[in-house]
Amino acid sequence: MRCIFTNYQLLITMTTHFITAEIDLTSSPAKLHQEIENSLKKQGEPLRWAVTNVDEKEQKVRVEAIVTAKGS
């Protein structure tokens, strides 16, 4: 078997971003989890996230996340 290497390289640049999102509270934890994931995926691929605040009066949760996105 013979391998031939060329000077071509595949270069993919990924950037990470710290984001915050405000999500409406839902009736079930499973739905809330899915809504958080869907909201974060609009910004990139979530690496990790955490609920950092729950506002019961406004029925909102605050989520802080690290996401990756393809660079330009």
N, C-alpha and C. Protein backbone atom coordinates (compact mmCIF):
# COMPACT_ATOMS: atom_id res chain seq x y z
N MET A 1 0.84 -1.17 0.00
CA MET A 1 0.00 0.00 0.00
C MET A 1 0.89 1.23 0.00
N ARG A 2 0.52 2.19 -0.79
CA ARG A 2 1.31 3.40 -0.91
C ARG A 2 0.44 4.60 -0.57
N CYS A 3 0.94 5.48 0.28
CA CYS A 3 0.22 6.70 0.65
C CYS A 3 0.91 7.91 0.03
N ILE A 4 0.13 8.77 -0.52
CA ILE A 4 0.67 10.00 -1.09
C ILE A 4 0.05 11.16 -0.32
N PHE A 5 0.90 11.99 0.24
CA PHE A 5 0.42 13.15 0.99
C PHE A 5 0.56 14.39 0.12
N THR A 6 -0.41 15.25 0.20
CA THR A 6 -0.36 16.49 -0.55
C THR A 6 -0.23 17.66 0.42
N ASN A 7 -0.15 18.83 -0.10
CA ASN A 7 -0.04 20.04 0.73
C ASN A 7 -1.39 20.59 1.15
N TYR A 8 -2.45 19.86 0.90
CA TYR A 8 -3.77 20.33 1.29
C TYR A 8 -4.05 20.01 2.74
N GLN A 9 -4.64 20.94 3.42
CA GLN A 9 -5.01 20.74 4.82
C GLN A 9 -6.48 21.12 5.00
N LEU A 10 -7.13 20.40 5.87
CA LEU A 10 -8.49 20.75 6.25
C LEU A 10 -8.38 21.49 7.58
N LEU A 11 -8.75 22.74 7.56
CA LEU A 11 -8.64 23.56 8.76
C LEU A 11 -10.02 24.05 9.16
N ILE A 12 -10.46 23.62 10.32
CA ILE A 12 -11.75 24.05 10.84
C ILE A 12 -11.48 24.83 12.11
N THR A 13 -11.92 26.05 12.13
CA THR A 13 -11.73 26.91 13.28
C THR A 13 -13.00 26.90 14.12
N MET A 14 -12.84 26.59 15.39
CA MET A 14 -13.98 26.61 16.30
C MET A 14 -13.72 27.70 17.34
N THR A 15 -14.75 28.43 17.67
CA THR A 15 -14.64 29.45 18.71
C THR A 15 -15.60 29.10 19.83
N THR A 16 -15.24 29.51 21.02
CA THR A 16 -16.12 29.29 22.16
C THR A 16 -16.69 30.63 22.61
N HIS A 17 -17.91 30.58 23.09
CA HIS A 17 -18.60 31.78 23.54
C HIS A 17 -19.28 31.52 24.87
N PHE A 18 -19.22 32.51 25.76
CA PHE A 18 -19.98 32.46 27.00
C PHE A 18 -21.28 33.20 26.72
N ILE A 19 -22.41 32.54 26.94
CA ILE A 19 -23.70 33.19 26.67
C ILE A 19 -24.62 33.04 27.87
N THR A 20 -25.59 33.92 27.94
CA THR A 20 -26.66 33.80 28.92
C THR A 20 -27.97 33.78 28.16
N ALA A 21 -28.92 33.06 28.69
CA ALA A 21 -30.24 32.97 28.06
C ALA A 21 -31.30 33.00 29.15
N GLU A 22 -32.43 33.57 28.82
CA GLU A 22 -33.57 33.59 29.72
C GLU A 22 -34.66 32.74 29.10
N ILE A 23 -35.10 31.73 29.83
CA ILE A 23 -36.04 30.74 29.32
C ILE A 23 -37.30 30.76 30.19
N ASP A 24 -38.46 30.63 29.55
CA ASP A 24 -39.72 30.54 30.30
C ASP A 24 -39.78 29.21 31.04
N LEU A 25 -40.24 29.28 32.28
CA LEU A 25 -40.46 28.05 33.04
C LEU A 25 -41.59 27.25 32.39
N THR A 26 -41.47 25.94 32.44
CA THR A 26 -42.50 25.07 31.89
C THR A 26 -43.05 24.19 32.99
N SER A 27 -44.06 23.43 32.66
CA SER A 27 -44.72 22.59 33.66
C SER A 27 -43.91 21.36 34.04
N SER A 28 -42.99 20.91 33.18
CA SER A 28 -42.23 19.71 33.51
C SER A 28 -40.74 19.94 33.33
N PRO A 29 -39.93 19.32 34.18
CA PRO A 29 -38.47 19.45 34.05
C PRO A 29 -37.94 18.94 32.71
N ALA A 30 -38.54 17.89 32.17
CA ALA A 30 -38.08 17.36 30.88
C ALA A 30 -38.29 18.39 29.77
N LYS A 31 -39.43 19.07 29.78
CA LYS A 31 -39.68 20.09 28.77
C LYS A 31 -38.74 21.27 28.94
N LEU A 32 -38.48 21.65 30.19
CA LEU A 32 -37.56 22.76 30.45
C LEU A 32 -36.17 22.42 29.92
N HIS A 33 -35.70 21.22 30.19
CA HIS A 33 -34.40 20.78 29.70
C HIS A 33 -34.33 20.88 28.18
N GLN A 34 -35.37 20.42 27.50
CA GLN A 34 -35.40 20.46 26.03
C GLN A 34 -35.43 21.90 25.52
N GLU A 35 -36.20 22.76 26.18
CA GLU A 35 -36.25 24.17 25.76
C GLU A 35 -34.90 24.85 25.94
N ILE A 36 -34.20 24.54 27.02
CA ILE A 36 -32.87 25.11 27.24
C ILE A 36 -31.93 24.65 26.13
N GLU A 37 -31.90 23.35 25.87
CA GLU A 37 -31.03 22.82 24.81
C GLU A 37 -31.34 23.46 23.46
N ASN A 38 -32.61 23.57 23.11
CA ASN A 38 -33.00 24.17 21.83
C ASN A 38 -32.57 25.62 21.74
N SER A 39 -32.75 26.36 22.82
CA SER A 39 -32.37 27.78 22.82
C SER A 39 -30.87 27.94 22.66
N LEU A 40 -30.10 27.13 23.35
CA LEU A 40 -28.64 27.23 23.27
C LEU A 40 -28.11 26.82 21.90
N LYS A 41 -28.73 25.83 21.28
CA LYS A 41 -28.26 25.36 19.97
C LYS A 41 -28.42 26.42 18.88
N LYS A 42 -29.25 27.42 19.12
CA LYS A 42 -29.37 28.53 18.17
C LYS A 42 -28.08 29.35 18.12
N GLN A 43 -27.29 29.27 19.20
CA GLN A 43 -26.04 30.04 19.30
C GLN A 43 -24.81 29.21 18.96
N GLY A 44 -24.94 27.89 18.96
CA GLY A 44 -23.81 27.00 18.71
C GLY A 44 -24.05 25.67 19.39
N GLU A 45 -23.01 24.87 19.52
CA GLU A 45 -23.12 23.57 20.17
C GLU A 45 -22.76 23.72 21.64
N PRO A 46 -23.71 23.47 22.55
CA PRO A 46 -23.43 23.64 23.98
C PRO A 46 -22.39 22.64 24.48
N LEU A 47 -21.37 23.15 25.17
CA LEU A 47 -20.40 22.29 25.84
C LEU A 47 -20.87 22.00 27.26
N ARG A 48 -21.33 23.04 27.92
CA ARG A 48 -21.89 22.89 29.26
C ARG A 48 -22.79 24.08 29.54
N TRP A 49 -23.73 23.87 30.45
CA TRP A 49 -24.62 24.95 30.83
C TRP A 49 -25.13 24.71 32.24
N ALA A 50 -25.62 25.79 32.87
CA ALA A 50 -26.14 25.70 34.22
C ALA A 50 -27.26 26.72 34.40
N VAL A 51 -28.28 26.33 35.14
CA VAL A 51 -29.32 27.27 35.55
C VAL A 51 -28.74 28.07 36.71
N THR A 52 -28.65 29.39 36.55
CA THR A 52 -28.02 30.22 37.58
C THR A 52 -29.02 31.05 38.37
N ASN A 53 -30.26 31.13 37.89
CA ASN A 53 -31.27 31.89 38.63
C ASN A 53 -32.65 31.41 38.21
N VAL A 54 -33.55 31.37 39.19
CA VAL A 54 -34.96 31.07 38.91
C VAL A 54 -35.77 32.21 39.48
N ASP A 55 -36.52 32.87 38.60
CA ASP A 55 -37.40 33.96 39.01
C ASP A 55 -38.83 33.43 39.00
N GLU A 56 -39.30 33.04 40.17
CA GLU A 56 -40.64 32.45 40.26
C GLU A 56 -41.73 33.45 39.92
N LYS A 57 -41.52 34.71 40.30
CA LYS A 57 -42.53 35.74 40.02
C LYS A 57 -42.72 35.94 38.51
N GLU A 58 -41.61 36.02 37.78
CA GLU A 58 -41.66 36.23 36.33
C GLU A 58 -41.75 34.91 35.55
N GLN A 59 -41.61 33.78 36.25
CA GLN A 59 -41.65 32.45 35.63
C GLN A 59 -40.58 32.31 34.54
N LYS A 60 -39.34 32.69 34.93
CA LYS A 60 -38.19 32.61 34.01
C LYS A 60 -37.02 31.94 34.72
N VAL A 61 -36.18 31.28 33.95
CA VAL A 61 -34.90 30.78 34.46
C VAL A 61 -33.78 31.42 33.66
N ARG A 62 -32.68 31.69 34.33
CA ARG A 62 -31.50 32.22 33.65
C ARG A 62 -30.50 31.08 33.50
N VAL A 63 -29.97 30.95 32.31
CA VAL A 63 -29.01 29.90 31.99
C VAL A 63 -27.73 30.55 31.51
N GLU A 64 -26.60 30.08 32.04
CA GLU A 64 -25.29 30.50 31.55
C GLU A 64 -24.66 29.29 30.88
N ALA A 65 -24.03 29.53 29.73
CA ALA A 65 -23.52 28.39 28.95
C ALA A 65 -22.24 28.74 28.22
N ILE A 66 -21.49 27.70 27.90
CA ILE A 66 -20.35 27.77 26.99
C ILE A 66 -20.76 26.99 25.75
N VAL A 67 -20.69 27.66 24.58
CA VAL A 67 -21.02 27.00 23.32
C VAL A 67 -19.86 27.15 22.34
N THR A 68 -19.77 26.22 21.41
CA THR A 68 -18.78 26.34 20.34
C THR A 68 -19.51 26.60 19.03
N ALA A 69 -18.84 27.34 18.17
CA ALA A 69 -19.39 27.62 16.85
C ALA A 69 -18.24 27.64 15.86
N LYS A 70 -18.54 27.30 14.64
CA LYS A 70 -17.51 27.35 13.59
C LYS A 70 -17.12 28.79 13.35
N GLY A 71 -15.82 29.02 13.30
CA GLY A 71 -15.31 30.35 13.01
C GLY A 71 -15.33 30.63 11.53
N SER A 72 -15.16 31.88 11.19
CA SER A 72 -15.16 32.25 9.78
C SER A 72 -13.76 32.45 9.27
